[in-house]
């Protein structure tokens, strides 16, 4: 297999694919491919654009979800510890003071 290296461990043959070689081969194949003279109609074009935007939106929301929920949990934990600290020291935080 081109771009791979095989080693033997015990009775099993392990094939390690070198991703850089595979990537270079893929881009090389795309670089020498001839241009396609094809017409993409408005319906197919809008469908492709919509699918691409949905895919990008899904990836962005996935990344935001992975980042936001731990941050949200950290903020809640910090708020709970500050509330517990102020109640333990006897300080009161009152927001219902009359306006002057």
C-alpha atoms as a PDB file:
ATOM      1  CA  UNK A   1       0.000   0.000   0.000  1.00  0.00           C
ATOM      2  CA  UNK A   2       1.448   3.363  -1.010  1.00  0.00           C
ATOM      3  CA  UNK A   3       2.035   5.801   1.838  1.00  0.00           C
ATOM      4  CA  UNK A   4       1.872   3.203   4.582  1.00  0.00           C
ATOM      5  CA  UNK A   5       4.343   1.230   6.594  1.00  0.00           C
ATOM      6  CA  UNK A   6       3.610  -2.171   8.017  1.00  0.00           C
ATOM      7  CA  UNK A   7       5.137  -3.694  11.084  1.00  0.00           C
ATOM      8  CA  UNK A   8       4.638  -7.040  12.694  1.00  0.00           C
ATOM      9  CA  UNK A   9       3.748  -7.330  16.356  1.00  0.00           C
ATOM     10  CA  UNK A  10       3.310 -10.926  17.370  1.00  0.00           C
ATOM     11  CA  UNK A  11       0.903 -12.559  14.928  1.00  0.00           C
ATOM     12  CA  UNK A  12      -0.749  -9.303  13.859  1.00  0.00           C
ATOM     13  CA  UNK A  13       0.306  -7.074  10.997  1.00  0.00           C
ATOM     14  CA  UNK A  14      -0.188  -3.426  11.896  1.00  0.00           C
ATOM     15  CA  UNK A  15      -0.427  -0.936   9.030  1.00  0.00           C
ATOM     16  CA  UNK A  16       0.423   2.633   9.911  1.00  0.00           C
ATOM     17  CA  UNK A  17      -0.778   5.158   7.353  1.00  0.00           C
ATOM     18  CA  UNK A  18       1.275   8.287   7.032  1.00  0.00           C
ATOM     19  CA  UNK A  19      -1.297  11.080   6.814  1.00  0.00           C
ATOM     20  CA  UNK A  20       1.048  13.600   5.212  1.00  0.00           C
ATOM     21  CA  UNK A  21       1.760  11.305   2.272  1.00  0.00           C
ATOM     22  CA  UNK A  22      -1.915  10.481   1.827  1.00  0.00           C
ATOM     23  CA  UNK A  23      -2.809  14.177   1.982  1.00  0.00           C
ATOM     24  CA  UNK A  24      -0.113  15.061  -0.561  1.00  0.00           C
ATOM     25  CA  UNK A  25      -1.345  12.297  -2.866  1.00  0.00           C
ATOM     26  CA  UNK A  26      -4.952  13.488  -2.571  1.00  0.00           C
ATOM     27  CA  UNK A  27      -4.068  17.117  -3.300  1.00  0.00           C
ATOM     28  CA  UNK A  28      -1.837  16.041  -6.163  1.00  0.00           C
ATOM     29  CA  UNK A  29      -4.719  14.081  -7.662  1.00  0.00           C
ATOM     30  CA  UNK A  30      -7.018  17.073  -7.302  1.00  0.00           C
ATOM     31  CA  UNK A  31      -4.436  19.395  -8.842  1.00  0.00           C
ATOM     32  CA  UNK A  32      -4.123  17.385 -12.048  1.00  0.00           C
ATOM     33  CA  UNK A  33      -7.869  16.744 -12.438  1.00  0.00           C
ATOM     34  CA  UNK A  34      -9.353  18.458 -15.487  1.00  0.00           C
ATOM     35  CA  UNK A  35     -11.957  21.180 -15.030  1.00  0.00           C
ATOM     36  CA  UNK A  36     -15.546  20.000 -15.313  1.00  0.00           C
ATOM     37  CA  UNK A  37     -17.675  22.023 -17.706  1.00  0.00           C
ATOM     38  CA  UNK A  38     -20.942  21.452 -15.905  1.00  0.00           C
ATOM     39  CA  UNK A  39     -23.935  23.627 -15.170  1.00  0.00           C
ATOM     40  CA  UNK A  40     -25.276  23.786 -11.647  1.00  0.00           C
ATOM     41  CA  UNK A  41     -28.834  25.084 -11.647  1.00  0.00           C
ATOM     42  CA  UNK A  42     -30.224  27.483  -9.076  1.00  0.00           C
ATOM     43  CA  UNK A  43     -32.068  24.741  -7.184  1.00  0.00           C
ATOM     44  CA  UNK A  44     -29.022  22.528  -6.798  1.00  0.00           C
ATOM     45  CA  UNK A  45     -26.803  25.525  -6.043  1.00  0.00           C
ATOM     46  CA  UNK A  46     -29.070  26.830  -3.279  1.00  0.00           C
ATOM     47  CA  UNK A  47     -29.367  23.332  -1.841  1.00  0.00           C
ATOM     48  CA  UNK A  48     -25.583  22.956  -1.789  1.00  0.00           C
ATOM     49  CA  UNK A  49     -25.118  26.379  -0.197  1.00  0.00           C
ATOM     50  CA  UNK A  50     -27.792  25.656   2.411  1.00  0.00           C
ATOM     51  CA  UNK A  51     -26.244  22.309   3.262  1.00  0.00           C
ATOM     52  CA  UNK A  52     -22.807  23.874   3.596  1.00  0.00           C
ATOM     53  CA  UNK A  53     -24.138  26.632   5.866  1.00  0.00           C
ATOM     54  CA  UNK A  54     -25.956  24.058   8.007  1.00  0.00           C
ATOM     55  CA  UNK A  55     -22.765  22.028   8.331  1.00  0.00           C
ATOM     56  CA  UNK A  56     -20.712  25.088   9.293  1.00  0.00           C
ATOM     57  CA  UNK A  57     -23.390  26.186  11.784  1.00  0.00           C
ATOM     58  CA  UNK A  58     -23.472  22.743  13.349  1.00  0.00           C
ATOM     59  CA  UNK A  59     -19.696  22.706  13.776  1.00  0.00           C
ATOM     60  CA  UNK A  60     -19.706  26.213  15.288  1.00  0.00           C
ATOM     61  CA  UNK A  61     -22.503  25.333  17.722  1.00  0.00           C
ATOM     62  CA  UNK A  62     -20.703  22.138  18.673  1.00  0.00           C
ATOM     63  CA  UNK A  63     -17.526  24.073  19.490  1.00  0.00           C
ATOM     64  CA  UNK A  64     -19.494  26.724  21.409  1.00  0.00           C
ATOM     65  CA  UNK A  65     -21.266  23.987  23.368  1.00  0.00           C
ATOM     66  CA  UNK A  66     -18.023  22.306  24.308  1.00  0.00           C
ATOM     67  CA  UNK A  67     -16.593  25.625  25.493  1.00  0.00           C
ATOM     68  CA  UNK A  68     -19.695  27.276  26.991  1.00  0.00           C
ATOM     69  CA  UNK A  69     -20.987  24.563  29.320  1.00  0.00           C
ATOM     70  CA  UNK A  70     -17.759  24.155  31.337  1.00  0.00           C
ATOM     71  CA  UNK A  71     -17.479  27.947  31.586  1.00  0.00           C
ATOM     72  CA  UNK A  72     -21.119  28.149  32.706  1.00  0.00           C
ATOM     73  CA  UNK A  73     -20.522  25.477  35.355  1.00  0.00           C
ATOM     74  CA  UNK A  74     -17.409  27.338  36.553  1.00  0.00           C
ATOM     75  CA  UNK A  75     -19.343  30.608  36.841  1.00  0.00           C
ATOM     76  CA  UNK A  76     -22.157  28.914  38.791  1.00  0.00           C
ATOM     77  CA  UNK A  77     -19.645  27.279  41.137  1.00  0.00           C
ATOM     78  CA  UNK A  78     -17.860  30.606  41.664  1.00  0.00           C
ATOM     79  CA  UNK A  79     -21.174  32.361  42.360  1.00  0.00           C
ATOM     80  CA  UNK A  80     -22.186  29.626  44.828  1.00  0.00           C
ATOM     81  CA  UNK A  81     -18.882  29.900  46.708  1.00  0.00           C
ATOM     82  CA  UNK A  82     -19.108  33.706  46.939  1.00  0.00           C
ATOM     83  CA  UNK A  83     -22.694  33.434  48.188  1.00  0.00           C
ATOM     84  CA  UNK A  84     -21.622  30.840  50.761  1.00  0.00           C
ATOM     85  CA  UNK A  85     -18.678  33.028  51.823  1.00  0.00           C
ATOM     86  CA  UNK A  86     -20.845  36.123  52.348  1.00  0.00           C
ATOM     87  CA  UNK A  87     -23.437  34.169  54.327  1.00  0.00           C
ATOM     88  CA  UNK A  88     -20.721  32.644  56.504  1.00  0.00           C
ATOM     89  CA  UNK A  89     -19.215  36.056  57.360  1.00  0.00           C
ATOM     90  CA  UNK A  90     -22.607  37.579  58.100  1.00  0.00           C
ATOM     91  CA  UNK A  91     -22.507  40.148  55.337  1.00  0.00           C
ATOM     92  CA  UNK A  92     -25.749  40.805  53.549  1.00  0.00           C
ATOM     93  CA  UNK A  93     -26.105  41.859  49.986  1.00  0.00           C
ATOM     94  CA  UNK A  94     -29.325  43.753  49.717  1.00  0.00           C
ATOM     95  CA  UNK A  95     -30.447  45.133  46.403  1.00  0.00           C
ATOM     96  CA  UNK A  96     -33.712  46.537  47.789  1.00  0.00           C
ATOM     97  CA  UNK A  97     -32.364  49.808  49.164  1.00  0.00           C
ATOM     98  CA  UNK A  98     -34.711  52.719  48.545  1.00  0.00           C
ATOM     99  CA  UNK A  99     -33.676  55.149  45.824  1.00  0.00           C
ATOM    100  CA  UNK A 100     -32.441  58.539  46.982  1.00  0.00           C
END
